[in-house]
C-alpha atoms as a PDB file:
ATOM      1  CA  MET A   1      44.926  62.496  72.448  1.00  0.00           C
ATOM      2  CA  ARG A   2      44.359  63.782  75.978  1.00  0.00           C
ATOM      3  CA  GLU A   3      44.426  62.099  79.348  1.00  0.00           C
ATOM      4  CA  ASN A   4      43.103  64.015  82.361  1.00  0.00           C
ATOM      5  CA  GLY A   5      43.455  67.243  80.376  1.00  0.00           C
ATOM      6  CA  ALA A   6      47.120  66.564  79.564  1.00  0.00           C
ATOM      7  CA  LYS A   7      48.121  65.996  75.980  1.00  0.00           C
ATOM      8  CA  VAL A   8      49.533  62.494  75.617  1.00  0.00           C
ATOM      9  CA  LEU A   9      50.564  62.632  71.944  1.00  0.00           C
ATOM     10  CA  THR A  10      51.927  65.626  70.070  1.00  0.00           C
ATOM     11  CA  ASP A  11      50.198  66.637  66.849  1.00  0.00           C
ATOM     12  CA  VAL A  12      52.993  65.024  64.820  1.00  0.00           C
ATOM     13  CA  GLU A  13      52.841  61.814  66.860  1.00  0.00           C
ATOM     14  CA  LEU A  14      49.090  61.663  66.373  1.00  0.00           C
ATOM     15  CA  ARG A  15      49.515  62.054  62.598  1.00  0.00           C
ATOM     16  CA  VAL A  16      52.182  59.331  62.589  1.00  0.00           C
ATOM     17  CA  ALA A  17      49.901  57.051  64.619  1.00  0.00           C
ATOM     18  CA  GLU A  18      47.013  57.629  62.199  1.00  0.00           C
ATOM     19  CA  LEU A  19      49.174  56.837  59.191  1.00  0.00           C
ATOM     20  CA  ALA A  20      50.713  53.777  60.840  1.00  0.00           C
ATOM     21  CA  ALA A  21      47.250  52.502  61.809  1.00  0.00           C
ATOM     22  CA  GLN A  22      46.328  52.629  58.114  1.00  0.00           C
ATOM     23  CA  GLY A  23      49.326  50.423  57.339  1.00  0.00           C
ATOM     24  CA  THR A  24      51.453  53.187  55.867  1.00  0.00           C
ATOM     25  CA  PRO A  25      55.152  52.230  55.736  1.00  0.00           C
ATOM     26  CA  VAL A  26      57.601  54.360  57.719  1.00  0.00           C
ATOM     27  CA  ALA A  27      59.289  55.536  54.511  1.00  0.00           C
ATOM     28  CA  VAL A  28      55.969  56.904  53.241  1.00  0.00           C
ATOM     29  CA  ILE A  29      55.160  58.465  56.622  1.00  0.00           C
ATOM     30  CA  ALA A  30      58.519  60.218  56.399  1.00  0.00           C
ATOM     31  CA  GLU A  31      57.677  61.566  52.932  1.00  0.00           C
ATOM     32  CA  VAL A  32      54.278  62.808  54.095  1.00  0.00           C
ATOM     33  CA  LEU A  33      55.844  64.596  57.072  1.00  0.00           C
ATOM     34  CA  GLY A  34      58.850  65.845  55.142  1.00  0.00           C
ATOM     35  CA  VAL A  35      61.336  64.218  57.509  1.00  0.00           C
ATOM     36  CA  SER A  36      63.849  61.381  57.321  1.00  0.00           C
ATOM     37  CA  ALA A  37      62.725  57.793  57.787  1.00  0.00           C
ATOM     38  CA  ASN A  38      64.788  57.722  60.981  1.00  0.00           C
ATOM     39  CA  THR A  39      62.867  60.693  62.386  1.00  0.00           C
ATOM     40  CA  ALA A  40      59.522  59.151  61.422  1.00  0.00           C
ATOM     41  CA  ASP A  41      60.587  55.927  63.123  1.00  0.00           C
ATOM     42  CA  ARG A  42      61.495  57.851  66.286  1.00  0.00           C
ATOM     43  CA  HIS A  43      58.070  59.493  66.298  1.00  0.00           C
ATOM     44  CA  LEU A  44      56.434  56.078  65.913  1.00  0.00           C
ATOM     45  CA  THR A  45      58.527  54.679  68.758  1.00  0.00           C
ATOM     46  CA  ALA A  46      57.462  57.620  70.949  1.00  0.00           C
ATOM     47  CA  VAL A  47      53.823  56.837  70.126  1.00  0.00           C
ATOM     48  CA  TYR A  48      54.222  53.213  71.198  1.00  0.00           C
ATOM     49  CA  VAL A  49      55.967  54.198  74.438  1.00  0.00           C
ATOM     50  CA  LYS A  50      53.422  56.861  75.344  1.00  0.00           C
ATOM     51  CA  LEU A  51      50.416  54.668  74.588  1.00  0.00           C
ATOM     52  CA  ARG A  52      51.865  51.773  76.533  1.00  0.00           C
ATOM     53  CA  ASN A  53      52.333  54.064  79.550  1.00  0.00           C
ATOM     54  CA  ALA A  54      49.033  55.946  79.195  1.00  0.00           C
END
């Protein structure tokens, strides 16, 4: 996602956002990304923060 030419979401955050939008649980997002559930949750939190401030 870009805003005024600046990238708002990283590639990983965009993937997390896509999965979350499909209703995918954080534990499954973590498996897909190959990270811990805590890390997936942090990425999802970053998505919410960035989109709220975009």
